[in-house]
Amino acid sequence: MSRRLTDIYPIGTAVQVFFPQIGIWLDGDIVAHAHPAVWVQTADGRRWFVTNSRRIKLKE
């Protein structure tokens, strides 16, 4: 069984999220859980609901 994003990324974790429309990874932080997804706030203050594990990773 695969691990859920809420298990992998605790609130406060620094992450990067990928936006295929612009082809880059943006830095952000996990600000909330919405089982099984997470909310990421990027540096510009916007919040993104992330459900796809291929579009999120730990900040490098």
PDB file of N, CA and C in Angstrom:
ATOM      1  N   MET A   1       0.833  -1.179   0.000  1.00  0.00           N
ATOM      2  CA  MET A   1       0.000   0.000   0.000  1.00  0.00           C
ATOM      3  C   MET A   1       0.878   1.243   0.000  1.00  0.00           C
ATOM      4  N   SER A   2       0.543   2.201  -0.843  1.00  0.00           N
ATOM      5  CA  SER A   2       1.352   3.407  -0.925  1.00  0.00           C
ATOM      6  C   SER A   2       1.035   4.347   0.233  1.00  0.00           C
ATOM      7  N   ARG A   3       2.031   5.141   0.577  1.00  0.00           N
ATOM      8  CA  ARG A   3       1.850   6.105   1.656  1.00  0.00           C
ATOM      9  C   ARG A   3       1.122   7.338   1.133  1.00  0.00           C
ATOM     10  N   ARG A   4       0.313   7.913   1.961  1.00  0.00           N
ATOM     11  CA  ARG A   4      -0.447   9.105   1.582  1.00  0.00           C
ATOM     12  C   ARG A   4       0.412  10.354   1.757  1.00  0.00           C
ATOM     13  N   LEU A   5       0.087  11.377   1.003  1.00  0.00           N
ATOM     14  CA  LEU A   5       0.836  12.628   1.106  1.00  0.00           C
ATOM     15  C   LEU A   5       0.824  13.179   2.530  1.00  0.00           C
ATOM     16  N   THR A   6      -0.286  12.985   3.234  1.00  0.00           N
ATOM     17  CA  THR A   6      -0.372  13.479   4.606  1.00  0.00           C
ATOM     18  C   THR A   6       0.588  12.749   5.538  1.00  0.00           C
ATOM     19  N   ASP A   7       0.964  11.525   5.188  1.00  0.00           N
ATOM     20  CA  ASP A   7       1.931  10.770   5.981  1.00  0.00           C
ATOM     21  C   ASP A   7       3.362  11.167   5.630  1.00  0.00           C
ATOM     22  N   ILE A   8       3.593  11.470   4.377  1.00  0.00           N
ATOM     23  CA  ILE A   8       4.943  11.779   3.891  1.00  0.00           C
ATOM     24  C   ILE A   8       5.370  13.201   4.251  1.00  0.00           C
ATOM     25  N   TYR A   9       4.411  14.153   4.195  1.00  0.00           N
ATOM     26  CA  TYR A   9       4.726  15.571   4.360  1.00  0.00           C
ATOM     27  C   TYR A   9       3.976  16.170   5.550  1.00  0.00           C
ATOM     28  N   PRO A  10       4.601  16.201   6.728  1.00  0.00           N
ATOM     29  CA  PRO A  10       3.965  16.838   7.889  1.00  0.00           C
ATOM     30  C   PRO A  10       3.805  18.346   7.667  1.00  0.00           C
ATOM     31  N   ILE A  11       2.873  18.953   8.370  1.00  0.00           N
ATOM     32  CA  ILE A  11       2.696  20.402   8.299  1.00  0.00           C
ATOM     33  C   ILE A  11       4.007  21.079   8.691  1.00  0.00           C
ATOM     34  N   GLY A  12       4.393  22.081   7.922  1.00  0.00           N
ATOM     35  CA  GLY A  12       5.635  22.811   8.152  1.00  0.00           C
ATOM     36  C   GLY A  12       6.799  22.332   7.301  1.00  0.00           C
ATOM     37  N   THR A  13       6.628  21.238   6.570  1.00  0.00           N
ATOM     38  CA  THR A  13       7.701  20.691   5.744  1.00  0.00           C
ATOM     39  C   THR A  13       7.948  21.577   4.525  1.00  0.00           C
ATOM     40  N   ALA A  14       9.211  21.866   4.242  1.00  0.00           N
ATOM     41  CA  ALA A  14       9.583  22.616   3.041  1.00  0.00           C
ATOM     42  C   ALA A  14       9.548  21.672   1.849  1.00  0.00           C
ATOM     43  N   VAL A  15       8.815  22.058   0.813  1.00  0.00           N
ATOM     44  CA  VAL A  15       8.632  21.217  -0.367  1.00  0.00           C
ATOM     45  C   VAL A  15       8.804  22.050  -1.635  1.00  0.00           C
ATOM     46  N   GLN A  16       8.744  21.352  -2.744  1.00  0.00           N
ATOM     47  CA  GLN A  16       8.655  21.982  -4.048  1.00  0.00           C
ATOM     48  C   GLN A  16       7.483  21.344  -4.780  1.00  0.00           C
ATOM     49  N   VAL A  17       6.721  22.159  -5.490  1.00  0.00           N
ATOM     50  CA  VAL A  17       5.602  21.660  -6.282  1.00  0.00           C
ATOM     51  C   VAL A  17       5.854  21.988  -7.748  1.00  0.00           C
ATOM     52  N   PHE A  18       5.454  21.058  -8.617  1.00  0.00           N
ATOM     53  CA  PHE A  18       5.708  21.199 -10.052  1.00  0.00           C
ATOM     54  C   PHE A  18       4.454  21.669 -10.771  1.00  0.00           C
ATOM     55  N   PHE A  19       4.634  22.641 -11.644  1.00  0.00           N
ATOM     56  CA  PHE A  19       3.552  23.151 -12.473  1.00  0.00           C
ATOM     57  C   PHE A  19       3.895  22.881 -13.929  1.00  0.00           C
ATOM     58  N   PRO A  20       3.273  21.874 -14.528  1.00  0.00           N
ATOM     59  CA  PRO A  20       3.618  21.511 -15.903  1.00  0.00           C
ATOM     60  C   PRO A  20       3.349  22.630 -16.909  1.00  0.00           C
ATOM     61  N   GLN A  21       2.397  23.515 -16.610  1.00  0.00           N
ATOM     62  CA  GLN A  21       2.077  24.604 -17.529  1.00  0.00           C
ATOM     63  C   GLN A  21       3.268  25.539 -17.742  1.00  0.00           C
ATOM     64  N   ILE A  22       4.088  25.711 -16.699  1.00  0.00           N
ATOM     65  CA  ILE A  22       5.252  26.589 -16.812  1.00  0.00           C
ATOM     66  C   ILE A  22       6.569  25.819 -16.732  1.00  0.00           C
ATOM     67  N   GLY A  23       6.484  24.535 -16.425  1.00  0.00           N
ATOM     68  CA  GLY A  23       7.658  23.662 -16.459  1.00  0.00           C
ATOM     69  C   GLY A  23       8.698  23.903 -15.384  1.00  0.00           C
ATOM     70  N   ILE A  24       8.276  24.412 -14.212  1.00  0.00           N
ATOM     71  CA  ILE A  24       9.251  24.634 -13.133  1.00  0.00           C
ATOM     72  C   ILE A  24       8.703  24.137 -11.795  1.00  0.00           C
ATOM     73  N   TRP A  25       9.640  23.927 -10.875  1.00  0.00           N
ATOM     74  CA  TRP A  25       9.311  23.584  -9.501  1.00  0.00           C
ATOM     75  C   TRP A  25       9.323  24.866  -8.682  1.00  0.00           C
ATOM     76  N   LEU A  26       8.289  25.086  -7.864  1.00  0.00           N
ATOM     77  CA  LEU A  26       8.222  26.250  -6.990  1.00  0.00           C
ATOM     78  C   LEU A  26       8.371  25.817  -5.542  1.00  0.00           C
ATOM     79  N   ASP A  27       9.115  26.618  -4.771  1.00  0.00           N
ATOM     80  CA  ASP A  27       9.290  26.341  -3.351  1.00  0.00           C
ATOM     81  C   ASP A  27       8.021  26.684  -2.584  1.00  0.00           C
ATOM     82  N   GLY A  28       7.769  25.895  -1.554  1.00  0.00           N
ATOM     83  CA  GLY A  28       6.610  26.147  -0.705  1.00  0.00           C
ATOM     84  C   GLY A  28       6.714  25.381   0.598  1.00  0.00           C
ATOM     85  N   ASP A  29       5.692  25.499   1.395  1.00  0.00           N
ATOM     86  CA  ASP A  29       5.617  24.809   2.685  1.00  0.00           C
ATOM     87  C   ASP A  29       4.244  24.164   2.825  1.00  0.00           C
ATOM     88  N   ILE A  30       4.219  23.016   3.477  1.00  0.00           N
ATOM     89  CA  ILE A  30       2.954  22.358   3.778  1.00  0.00           C
ATOM     90  C   ILE A  30       2.276  23.162   4.883  1.00  0.00           C
ATOM     91  N   VAL A  31       1.049  23.637   4.611  1.00  0.00           N
ATOM     92  CA  VAL A  31       0.348  24.459   5.592  1.00  0.00           C
ATOM     93  C   VAL A  31      -0.894  23.775   6.169  1.00  0.00           C
ATOM     94  N   ALA A  32      -1.366  22.725   5.502  1.00  0.00           N
ATOM     95  CA  ALA A  32      -2.549  22.021   6.009  1.00  0.00           C
ATOM     96  C   ALA A  32      -2.667  20.667   5.334  1.00  0.00           C
ATOM     97  N   HIS A  33      -3.387  19.790   6.027  1.00  0.00           N
ATOM     98  CA  HIS A  33      -3.719  18.483   5.467  1.00  0.00           C
ATOM     99  C   HIS A  33      -5.203  18.452   5.154  1.00  0.00           C
ATOM    100  N   ALA A  34      -5.554  17.827   4.055  1.00  0.00           N
ATOM    101  CA  ALA A  34      -6.949  17.583   3.689  1.00  0.00           C
ATOM    102  C   ALA A  34      -6.969  16.156   3.156  1.00  0.00           C
ATOM    103  N   HIS A  35      -6.942  15.234   4.075  1.00  0.00           N
ATOM    104  CA  HIS A  35      -6.749  13.811   3.821  1.00  0.00           C
ATOM    105  C   HIS A  35      -7.424  13.349   2.542  1.00  0.00           C
ATOM    106  N   PRO A  36      -6.725  12.754   1.608  1.00  0.00           N
ATOM    107  CA  PRO A  36      -5.327  12.335   1.629  1.00  0.00           C
ATOM    108  C   PRO A  36      -4.364  13.336   0.989  1.00  0.00           C
ATOM    109  N   ALA A  37      -4.842  14.544   0.665  1.00  0.00           N
ATOM    110  CA  ALA A  37      -4.012  15.539  -0.014  1.00  0.00           C
ATOM    111  C   ALA A  37      -3.415  16.533   0.979  1.00  0.00           C
ATOM    112  N   VAL A  38      -2.622  17.462   0.444  1.00  0.00           N
ATOM    113  CA  VAL A  38      -2.006  18.500   1.271  1.00  0.00           C
ATOM    114  C   VAL A  38      -2.209  19.868   0.618  1.00  0.00           C
ATOM    115  N   TRP A  39      -2.161  20.897   1.438  1.00  0.00           N
ATOM    116  CA  TRP A  39      -2.169  22.268   0.960  1.00  0.00           C
ATOM    117  C   TRP A  39      -0.751  22.807   1.062  1.00  0.00           C
ATOM    118  N   VAL A  40      -0.272  23.390  -0.038  1.00  0.00           N
ATOM    119  CA  VAL A  40       1.069  23.973  -0.090  1.00  0.00           C
ATOM    120  C   VAL A  40       0.924  25.468  -0.319  1.00  0.00           C
ATOM    121  N   GLN A  41       1.651  26.248   0.486  1.00  0.00           N
ATOM    122  CA  GLN A  41       1.693  27.693   0.261  1.00  0.00           C
ATOM    123  C   GLN A  41       3.033  28.031  -0.363  1.00  0.00           C
ATOM    124  N   THR A  42       2.990  28.651  -1.545  1.00  0.00           N
ATOM    125  CA  THR A  42       4.211  29.034  -2.242  1.00  0.00           C
ATOM    126  C   THR A  42       4.668  30.407  -1.748  1.00  0.00           C
ATOM    127  N   ALA A  43       5.878  30.793  -2.134  1.00  0.00           N
ATOM    128  CA  ALA A  43       6.495  32.026  -1.651  1.00  0.00           C
ATOM    129  C   ALA A  43       5.659  33.266  -1.967  1.00  0.00           C
ATOM    130  N   ASP A  44       4.856  33.213  -3.023  1.00  0.00           N
ATOM    131  CA  ASP A  44       4.029  34.369  -3.383  1.00  0.00           C
ATOM    132  C   ASP A  44       2.731  34.441  -2.576  1.00  0.00           C
ATOM    133  N   GLY A  45       2.563  33.510  -1.623  1.00  0.00           N
ATOM    134  CA  GLY A  45       1.407  33.532  -0.738  1.00  0.00           C
ATOM    135  C   GLY A  45       0.208  32.742  -1.216  1.00  0.00           C
ATOM    136  N   ARG A  46       0.272  32.217  -2.429  1.00  0.00           N
ATOM    137  CA  ARG A  46      -0.853  31.423  -2.939  1.00  0.00           C
ATOM    138  C   ARG A  46      -0.826  30.023  -2.353  1.00  0.00           C
ATOM    139  N   ARG A  47      -2.002  29.450  -2.182  1.00  0.00           N
ATOM    140  CA  ARG A  47      -2.125  28.079  -1.674  1.00  0.00           C
ATOM    141  C   ARG A  47      -2.597  27.163  -2.787  1.00  0.00           C
ATOM    142  N   TRP A  48      -1.998  25.966  -2.812  1.00  0.00           N
ATOM    143  CA  TRP A  48      -2.285  24.984  -3.850  1.00  0.00           C
ATOM    144  C   TRP A  48      -2.664  23.671  -3.199  1.00  0.00           C
ATOM    145  N   PHE A  49      -3.731  23.055  -3.701  1.00  0.00           N
ATOM    146  CA  PHE A  49      -4.208  21.768  -3.225  1.00  0.00           C
ATOM    147  C   PHE A  49      -3.505  20.698  -4.049  1.00  0.00           C
ATOM    148  N   VAL A  50      -2.657  19.902  -3.410  1.00  0.00           N
ATOM    149  CA  VAL A  50      -1.830  18.927  -4.122  1.00  0.00           C
ATOM    150  C   VAL A  50      -2.313  17.513  -3.800  1.00  0.00           C
ATOM    151  N   THR A  51      -2.673  16.788  -4.864  1.00  0.00           N
ATOM    152  CA  THR A  51      -3.152  15.417  -4.708  1.00  0.00           C
ATOM    153  C   THR A  51      -2.262  14.411  -5.414  1.00  0.00           C
ATOM    154  N   ASN A  52      -1.370  14.896  -6.270  1.00  0.00           N
ATOM    155  CA  ASN A  52      -0.557  14.026  -7.115  1.00  0.00           C
ATOM    156  C   ASN A  52       0.869  13.947  -6.570  1.00  0.00           C
ATOM    157  N   SER A  53       1.285  12.779  -6.155  1.00  0.00           N
ATOM    158  CA  SER A  53       2.620  12.622  -5.556  1.00  0.00           C
ATOM    159  C   SER A  53       3.759  12.862  -6.555  1.00  0.00           C
ATOM    160  N   ARG A  54       3.466  12.840  -7.836  1.00  0.00           N
ATOM    161  CA  ARG A  54       4.508  13.122  -8.839  1.00  0.00           C
ATOM    162  C   ARG A  54       4.768  14.615  -8.989  1.00  0.00           C
ATOM    163  N   ARG A  55       3.925  15.436  -8.379  1.00  0.00           N
ATOM    164  CA  ARG A  55       4.080  16.884  -8.515  1.00  0.00           C
ATOM    165  C   ARG A  55       4.532  17.561  -7.227  1.00  0.00           C
ATOM    166  N   ILE A  56       5.026  16.782  -6.274  1.00  0.00           N
ATOM    167  CA  ILE A  56       5.517  17.336  -5.029  1.00  0.00           C
ATOM    168  C   ILE A  56       6.742  16.551  -4.594  1.00  0.00           C
ATOM    169  N   LYS A  57       7.701  17.258  -4.001  1.00  0.00           N
ATOM    170  CA  LYS A  57       8.896  16.598  -3.471  1.00  0.00           C
ATOM    171  C   LYS A  57       9.470  17.466  -2.352  1.00  0.00           C
ATOM    172  N   LEU A  58      10.345  16.862  -1.558  1.00  0.00           N
ATOM    173  CA  LEU A  58      11.033  17.621  -0.516  1.00  0.00           C
ATOM    174  C   LEU A  58      11.896  18.681  -1.173  1.00  0.00           C
ATOM    175  N   LYS A  59      12.009  19.817  -0.525  1.00  0.00           N
ATOM    176  CA  LYS A  59      12.824  20.914  -1.071  1.00  0.00           C
ATOM    177  C   LYS A  59      14.283  20.482  -1.146  1.00  0.00           C
ATOM    178  N   GLU A  60      14.900  20.756  -2.263  1.00  0.00           N
ATOM    179  CA  GLU A  60      16.313  20.375  -2.477  1.00  0.00           C
ATOM    180  C   GLU A  60      17.231  21.410  -1.892  1.00  0.00           C
TER     181      GLU A  60
END
